[in-house]
Amino acid sequence: MVVLDKPTYDRLYKEVPTYKLISQSVLVDRLKLNGSLARVALKALTDQGLIKPLTVHHAQTIYTRAAT
């Protein structure tokens, strides 16, 4: 998938912030996104404060849910 459709967008904002371990690979596997779209989605969720980075590496970043 190259562009988010409405059901995928809703799943992204509803389900992903509840995952314990969030990464680009997880979004590709569970939501059937491509890698670049998964990176953009993770950045958007981080900017909104729904998830936070746990481990930052040049190859891949691991995120977790934000403590509320």
Protein backbone atom coordinates (compact mmCIF):
# COMPACT_ATOMS: atom_id res chain seq x y z
CA MET A 1 0.00 0.00 0.00
CA VAL A 2 1.40 3.38 -0.99
CA VAL A 3 -1.32 5.66 0.44
CA LEU A 4 -3.31 5.20 3.64
CA ASP A 5 -6.98 4.50 3.11
CA LYS A 6 -9.55 5.37 5.79
CA PRO A 7 -9.79 1.91 7.47
CA THR A 8 -5.99 1.59 7.67
CA TYR A 9 -5.66 5.16 8.97
CA ASP A 10 -8.22 4.39 11.69
CA ARG A 11 -6.43 1.16 12.65
CA LEU A 12 -3.11 3.04 12.75
CA TYR A 13 -4.32 5.59 15.28
CA LYS A 14 -6.46 3.16 17.29
CA GLU A 15 -4.34 0.01 17.54
CA VAL A 16 -0.70 0.96 17.07
CA PRO A 17 -0.37 3.15 20.22
CA THR A 18 -1.49 0.13 22.27
CA TYR A 19 1.29 -2.16 20.98
CA LYS A 20 4.09 -2.82 23.44
CA LEU A 21 6.76 -3.05 20.73
CA ILE A 22 6.39 -0.83 17.66
CA SER A 23 8.77 -0.73 14.71
CA GLN A 24 8.69 -0.21 10.99
CA SER A 25 8.72 -3.98 10.50
CA VAL A 26 5.71 -4.44 12.78
CA LEU A 27 3.65 -1.94 10.77
CA VAL A 28 4.67 -3.56 7.49
CA ASP A 29 3.62 -6.97 8.80
CA ARG A 30 0.41 -6.13 10.65
CA LEU A 31 -1.00 -3.26 8.56
CA LYS A 32 0.42 -4.34 5.17
CA LEU A 33 2.11 -0.97 4.57
CA ASN A 34 5.29 -0.44 2.59
CA GLY A 35 8.43 0.58 4.47
CA SER A 36 8.49 4.27 3.56
CA LEU A 37 4.83 4.74 4.51
CA ALA A 38 5.47 2.96 7.81
CA ARG A 39 8.34 5.37 8.58
CA VAL A 40 6.12 8.38 7.88
CA ALA A 41 3.33 6.93 10.04
CA LEU A 42 5.73 6.34 12.94
CA LYS A 43 7.02 9.90 12.68
CA ALA A 44 3.44 11.24 12.74
CA LEU A 45 2.56 9.16 15.81
CA THR A 46 5.75 10.33 17.55
CA ASP A 47 5.06 13.99 16.75
CA GLN A 48 1.58 13.67 18.26
CA GLY A 49 2.99 12.07 21.41
CA LEU A 50 1.15 8.76 20.99
CA ILE A 51 4.36 6.70 20.92
CA LYS A 52 7.92 7.37 22.03
CA PRO A 53 11.29 6.11 20.77
CA LEU A 54 12.89 3.41 22.86
CA THR A 55 16.03 2.64 20.86
CA VAL A 56 17.32 4.82 18.04
CA HIS A 57 19.71 3.32 15.49
CA HIS A 58 20.56 4.44 11.98
CA ALA A 59 18.99 1.31 10.49
CA GLN A 60 15.80 1.03 12.54
CA THR A 61 14.11 2.68 15.50
CA ILE A 62 12.14 0.79 18.12
CA TYR A 63 9.17 2.57 19.70
CA THR A 64 6.88 1.86 22.62
CA ARG A 65 3.55 3.23 23.74
CA ALA A 66 3.66 6.58 25.50
CA ALA A 67 2.92 6.43 29.21
CA THR A 68 -0.28 8.27 29.99
